[in-house]
Amino acid sequence: MPEMVIYALQVGGGTLAICPMPGRSGNYAEDLNTVAAWKPGLVISMTTEAEMIQEGARHFGTDIQGRASRWAHLPVEDFGVPPREVQARWPGVSASARHALSGGGRVLIHCRGGCGRSGMAALRLMVECGEGPAEALARLRAVRPCAVETDAQKEWAMQARRPPAPR
């Protein structure tokens, strides 16, 4: 299997990236090192717990936090959109991600293949950072052509509005 690649672009003053799930390459330890070396301030996992166990990434959250990154787990089924409980947690995770980006930081989002769910969340963050939805999708797909796989994912990401600035 190929080594893990991190697909990054400049967003909101920082760097936003998507990638496949650590362990997907067949070498979890090497993938974890790749992620840690990229030095994300926040890592968002969009995979289900079952997928993480299946790919040998059962302890990814603990492992990446031990490498000085914050971690958020927002499990979404493959090809799906966030269920109600994940949608309820999105505003807080999004605020943390946008705060990191606005300070020049790095945010990394992964799903199983590094396409649909991670692309959906990245697109939503791009729109929340003030980018036009169509332009943001084109920019994201310029670095990762498979980003955002379903119409429902695209709709969820593009329904975002730029949140009001904190007072």
C-alpha atoms as a PDB file:
ATOM      1  CA  MET A   1       0.000   0.000   0.000  1.00  0.00           C
ATOM      2  CA  PRO A   2       1.207   3.565  -0.624  1.00  0.00           C
ATOM      3  CA  GLU A   3       2.399   5.765   2.200  1.00  0.00           C
ATOM      4  CA  MET A   4      -0.029   8.242   3.695  1.00  0.00           C
ATOM      5  CA  VAL A   5      -0.336  11.600   1.936  1.00  0.00           C
ATOM      6  CA  ILE A   6      -1.666  14.764   3.587  1.00  0.00           C
ATOM      7  CA  TYR A   7      -3.566  17.034   1.178  1.00  0.00           C
ATOM      8  CA  ALA A   8      -3.262  20.620   2.447  1.00  0.00           C
ATOM      9  CA  LEU A   9      -4.438  24.088   1.454  1.00  0.00           C
ATOM     10  CA  GLN A  10      -4.408  27.550   3.007  1.00  0.00           C
ATOM     11  CA  VAL A  11      -7.683  28.434   4.750  1.00  0.00           C
ATOM     12  CA  GLY A  12      -8.566  31.225   7.164  1.00  0.00           C
ATOM     13  CA  GLY A  13      -4.966  32.235   7.810  1.00  0.00           C
ATOM     14  CA  GLY A  14      -3.763  28.708   8.555  1.00  0.00           C
ATOM     15  CA  THR A  15      -3.455  25.311   6.893  1.00  0.00           C
ATOM     16  CA  LEU A  16      -6.362  22.888   6.545  1.00  0.00           C
ATOM     17  CA  ALA A  17      -5.718  19.351   5.331  1.00  0.00           C
ATOM     18  CA  ILE A  18      -7.447  16.042   4.728  1.00  0.00           C
ATOM     19  CA  CYS A  19      -5.956  12.556   4.665  1.00  0.00           C
ATOM     20  CA  PRO A  20      -6.836   8.874   4.878  1.00  0.00           C
ATOM     21  CA  MET A  21      -7.141   7.236   8.292  1.00  0.00           C
ATOM     22  CA  PRO A  22      -3.852   6.359   9.952  1.00  0.00           C
ATOM     23  CA  GLY A  23      -3.341   2.627   9.503  1.00  0.00           C
ATOM     24  CA  ARG A  24      -5.012   2.559   6.108  1.00  0.00           C
ATOM     25  CA  SER A  25      -1.607   2.301   4.409  1.00  0.00           C
ATOM     26  CA  GLY A  26      -0.970  -0.930   6.298  1.00  0.00           C
ATOM     27  CA  ASN A  27       1.490   0.681   8.721  1.00  0.00           C
ATOM     28  CA  TYR A  28      -0.270   2.462  11.593  1.00  0.00           C
ATOM     29  CA  ALA A  29       2.930   3.488  13.414  1.00  0.00           C
ATOM     30  CA  GLU A  30       4.393   5.068  10.277  1.00  0.00           C
ATOM     31  CA  ASP A  31       1.113   6.871   9.505  1.00  0.00           C
ATOM     32  CA  LEU A  32       0.918   8.154  13.098  1.00  0.00           C
ATOM     33  CA  ASN A  33       4.469   9.496  12.720  1.00  0.00           C
ATOM     34  CA  THR A  34       3.496  11.191   9.437  1.00  0.00           C
ATOM     35  CA  VAL A  35       0.531  12.911  11.090  1.00  0.00           C
ATOM     36  CA  ALA A  36       2.561  13.924  14.169  1.00  0.00           C
ATOM     37  CA  ALA A  37       5.413  15.281  12.001  1.00  0.00           C
ATOM     38  CA  TRP A  38       2.911  17.515  10.173  1.00  0.00           C
ATOM     39  CA  LYS A  39       2.224  19.101  13.610  1.00  0.00           C
ATOM     40  CA  PRO A  40      -1.543  19.663  13.514  1.00  0.00           C
ATOM     41  CA  GLY A  41      -2.956  21.689  16.384  1.00  0.00           C
ATOM     42  CA  LEU A  42      -6.248  19.826  15.989  1.00  0.00           C
ATOM     43  CA  VAL A  43      -7.059  16.481  14.381  1.00  0.00           C
ATOM     44  CA  ILE A  44     -10.676  15.643  13.566  1.00  0.00           C
ATOM     45  CA  SER A  45     -11.569  11.968  13.023  1.00  0.00           C
ATOM     46  CA  MET A  46     -14.713  11.454  10.939  1.00  0.00           C
ATOM     47  CA  THR A  47     -14.525   7.632  11.019  1.00  0.00           C
ATOM     48  CA  THR A  48     -16.655   5.313  13.117  1.00  0.00           C
ATOM     49  CA  GLU A  49     -15.098   3.428  16.001  1.00  0.00           C
ATOM     50  CA  ALA A  50     -15.590   0.160  14.081  1.00  0.00           C
ATOM     51  CA  GLU A  51     -13.585   1.522  11.124  1.00  0.00           C
ATOM     52  CA  MET A  52     -10.793   2.664  13.434  1.00  0.00           C
ATOM     53  CA  ILE A  53     -10.602  -0.762  15.059  1.00  0.00           C
ATOM     54  CA  GLN A  54     -10.663  -2.481  11.647  1.00  0.00           C
ATOM     55  CA  GLU A  55      -7.707  -0.400  10.381  1.00  0.00           C
ATOM     56  CA  GLY A  56      -5.646  -0.818  13.559  1.00  0.00           C
ATOM     57  CA  ALA A  57      -6.258   2.763  14.739  1.00  0.00           C
ATOM     58  CA  ARG A  58      -8.281   1.892  17.859  1.00  0.00           C
ATOM     59  CA  HIS A  59      -6.089   4.153  20.054  1.00  0.00           C
ATOM     60  CA  PHE A  60      -5.514   6.953  17.530  1.00  0.00           C
ATOM     61  CA  GLY A  61      -7.179   9.613  19.706  1.00  0.00           C
ATOM     62  CA  THR A  62      -4.951   8.844  22.690  1.00  0.00           C
ATOM     63  CA  ASP A  63      -1.892   8.365  20.463  1.00  0.00           C
ATOM     64  CA  ILE A  64      -2.233  11.712  18.659  1.00  0.00           C
ATOM     65  CA  GLN A  65      -3.022  13.588  21.869  1.00  0.00           C
ATOM     66  CA  GLY A  66       0.197  12.120  23.278  1.00  0.00           C
ATOM     67  CA  ARG A  67       1.974  13.802  20.354  1.00  0.00           C
ATOM     68  CA  ALA A  68       0.769  17.305  21.323  1.00  0.00           C
ATOM     69  CA  SER A  69      -2.336  17.549  19.120  1.00  0.00           C
ATOM     70  CA  ARG A  70      -5.895  18.127  20.268  1.00  0.00           C
ATOM     71  CA  TRP A  71      -8.338  15.514  18.960  1.00  0.00           C
ATOM     72  CA  ALA A  72     -12.053  15.512  18.183  1.00  0.00           C
ATOM     73  CA  HIS A  73     -14.011  12.413  17.173  1.00  0.00           C
ATOM     74  CA  LEU A  74     -17.058  13.127  15.016  1.00  0.00           C
ATOM     75  CA  PRO A  75     -18.119   9.674  13.761  1.00  0.00           C
ATOM     76  CA  VAL A  76     -20.069   9.619  10.498  1.00  0.00           C
ATOM     77  CA  GLU A  77     -20.965   6.502   8.512  1.00  0.00           C
ATOM     78  CA  ASP A  78     -19.119   6.036   5.196  1.00  0.00           C
ATOM     79  CA  PHE A  79     -20.761   8.112   2.417  1.00  0.00           C
ATOM     80  CA  GLY A  80     -22.945   9.699   5.110  1.00  0.00           C
ATOM     81  CA  VAL A  81     -23.580  13.076   6.671  1.00  0.00           C
ATOM     82  CA  PRO A  82     -23.327  13.896  10.375  1.00  0.00           C
ATOM     83  CA  PRO A  83     -26.070  12.342  12.485  1.00  0.00           C
ATOM     84  CA  ARG A  84     -27.908  14.549  14.998  1.00  0.00           C
ATOM     85  CA  GLU A  85     -25.429  13.957  17.857  1.00  0.00           C
ATOM     86  CA  VAL A  86     -22.452  14.878  15.657  1.00  0.00           C
ATOM     87  CA  GLN A  87     -24.277  17.946  14.300  1.00  0.00           C
ATOM     88  CA  ALA A  88     -24.813  19.047  17.899  1.00  0.00           C
ATOM     89  CA  ARG A  89     -21.053  18.844  18.543  1.00  0.00           C
ATOM     90  CA  TRP A  90     -20.014  20.458  15.232  1.00  0.00           C
ATOM     91  CA  PRO A  91     -20.263  24.129  16.338  1.00  0.00           C
ATOM     92  CA  GLY A  92     -17.755  23.623  19.170  1.00  0.00           C
ATOM     93  CA  VAL A  93     -15.313  21.607  17.059  1.00  0.00           C
ATOM     94  CA  SER A  94     -15.700  24.089  14.196  1.00  0.00           C
ATOM     95  CA  ALA A  95     -14.993  27.029  16.523  1.00  0.00           C
ATOM     96  CA  SER A  96     -11.804  25.310  17.745  1.00  0.00           C
ATOM     97  CA  ALA A  97     -10.726  24.585  14.172  1.00  0.00           C
ATOM     98  CA  ARG A  98     -11.426  28.133  12.985  1.00  0.00           C
ATOM     99  CA  HIS A  99      -9.590  29.548  16.005  1.00  0.00           C
ATOM    100  CA  ALA A 100      -6.538  27.386  15.212  1.00  0.00           C
ATOM    101  CA  LEU A 101      -6.641  28.393  11.542  1.00  0.00           C
ATOM    102  CA  SER A 102      -7.037  32.102  12.288  1.00  0.00           C
ATOM    103  CA  GLY A 103      -3.891  31.925  14.412  1.00  0.00           C
ATOM    104  CA  GLY A 104      -1.893  30.411  11.553  1.00  0.00           C
ATOM    105  CA  GLY A 105      -2.287  26.877  12.898  1.00  0.00           C
ATOM    106  CA  ARG A 106      -2.870  23.539  11.250  1.00  0.00           C
ATOM    107  CA  VAL A 107      -6.043  21.447  11.270  1.00  0.00           C
ATOM    108  CA  LEU A 108      -6.113  17.905   9.879  1.00  0.00           C
ATOM    109  CA  ILE A 109      -9.315  16.006   9.127  1.00  0.00           C
ATOM    110  CA  HIS A 110      -9.383  12.333   8.225  1.00  0.00           C
ATOM    111  CA  CYS A 111     -11.955   9.755   7.273  1.00  0.00           C
ATOM    112  CA  ARG A 112     -11.259   6.258   6.001  1.00  0.00           C
ATOM    113  CA  GLY A 113     -10.107   7.143   2.498  1.00  0.00           C
ATOM    114  CA  GLY A 114      -9.480  10.864   2.912  1.00  0.00           C
ATOM    115  CA  CYS A 115     -12.187  11.846   0.415  1.00  0.00           C
ATOM    116  CA  GLY A 116     -15.888  12.047   1.281  1.00  0.00           C
ATOM    117  CA  ARG A 117     -16.397  12.705   4.978  1.00  0.00           C
ATOM    118  CA  SER A 118     -13.108  14.552   5.519  1.00  0.00           C
ATOM    119  CA  GLY A 119     -13.748  16.584   2.360  1.00  0.00           C
ATOM    120  CA  MET A 120     -17.263  17.406   3.578  1.00  0.00           C
ATOM    121  CA  ALA A 121     -15.967  18.709   6.921  1.00  0.00           C
ATOM    122  CA  ALA A 122     -13.110  20.622   5.264  1.00  0.00           C
ATOM    123  CA  LEU A 123     -15.526  22.241   2.796  1.00  0.00           C
ATOM    124  CA  ARG A 124     -17.832  23.238   5.655  1.00  0.00           C
ATOM    125  CA  LEU A 125     -14.908  24.855   7.496  1.00  0.00           C
ATOM    126  CA  MET A 126     -13.835  26.683   4.338  1.00  0.00           C
ATOM    127  CA  VAL A 127     -17.353  28.123   3.928  1.00  0.00           C
ATOM    128  CA  GLU A 128     -17.510  29.003   7.634  1.00  0.00           C
ATOM    129  CA  CYS A 129     -14.187  30.847   7.170  1.00  0.00           C
ATOM    130  CA  GLY A 130     -15.915  33.027   4.557  1.00  0.00           C
ATOM    131  CA  GLU A 131     -15.165  31.311   1.233  1.00  0.00           C
ATOM    132  CA  GLY A 132     -17.877  31.015  -1.387  1.00  0.00           C
ATOM    133  CA  PRO A 133     -19.139  27.401  -1.455  1.00  0.00           C
ATOM    134  CA  ALA A 134     -18.512  26.753  -5.166  1.00  0.00           C
ATOM    135  CA  GLU A 135     -15.056  28.358  -5.090  1.00  0.00           C
ATOM    136  CA  ALA A 136     -14.164  26.468  -1.912  1.00  0.00           C
ATOM    137  CA  LEU A 137     -15.196  23.129  -3.448  1.00  0.00           C
ATOM    138  CA  ALA A 138     -13.151  23.834  -6.587  1.00  0.00           C
ATOM    139  CA  ARG A 139     -10.117  24.771  -4.469  1.00  0.00           C
ATOM    140  CA  LEU A 140     -10.474  21.668  -2.298  1.00  0.00           C
ATOM    141  CA  ARG A 141     -10.876  19.364  -5.306  1.00  0.00           C
ATOM    142  CA  ALA A 142      -7.802  20.954  -6.918  1.00  0.00           C
ATOM    143  CA  VAL A 143      -5.708  19.333  -4.159  1.00  0.00           C
ATOM    144  CA  ARG A 144      -7.912  16.234  -3.578  1.00  0.00           C
ATOM    145  CA  PRO A 145     -10.151  15.478  -6.593  1.00  0.00           C
ATOM    146  CA  CYS A 146     -12.252  12.903  -4.686  1.00  0.00           C
ATOM    147  CA  ALA A 147     -13.158  15.348  -1.878  1.00  0.00           C
ATOM    148  CA  VAL A 148     -16.890  15.339  -1.021  1.00  0.00           C
ATOM    149  CA  GLU A 149     -18.389  12.195  -2.538  1.00  0.00           C
ATOM    150  CA  THR A 150     -22.171  12.559  -2.322  1.00  0.00           C
ATOM    151  CA  ASP A 151     -24.751  15.247  -3.001  1.00  0.00           C
ATOM    152  CA  ALA A 152     -25.897  14.982   0.624  1.00  0.00           C
ATOM    153  CA  GLN A 153     -22.326  15.634   1.835  1.00  0.00           C
ATOM    154  CA  LYS A 154     -22.050  18.627  -0.480  1.00  0.00           C
ATOM    155  CA  GLU A 155     -25.399  20.004   0.716  1.00  0.00           C
ATOM    156  CA  TRP A 156     -24.427  19.611   4.385  1.00  0.00           C
ATOM    157  CA  ALA A 157     -21.115  21.382   3.848  1.00  0.00           C
ATOM    158  CA  MET A 158     -22.519  24.190   1.704  1.00  0.00           C
ATOM    159  CA  GLN A 159     -25.449  24.980   4.013  1.00  0.00           C
ATOM    160  CA  ALA A 160     -22.931  26.563   6.358  1.00  0.00           C
ATOM    161  CA  ARG A 161     -22.985  30.262   6.866  1.00  0.00           C
ATOM    162  CA  ARG A 162     -20.119  32.233   8.241  1.00  0.00           C
ATOM    163  CA  PRO A 163     -20.717  32.297  12.003  1.00  0.00           C
ATOM    164  CA  PRO A 164     -20.819  35.746  13.620  1.00  0.00           C
ATOM    165  CA  ALA A 165     -17.484  37.011  14.869  1.00  0.00           C
ATOM    166  CA  PRO A 166     -17.015  36.689  18.628  1.00  0.00           C
ATOM    167  CA  ARG A 167     -17.694  39.955  20.493  1.00  0.00           C
END
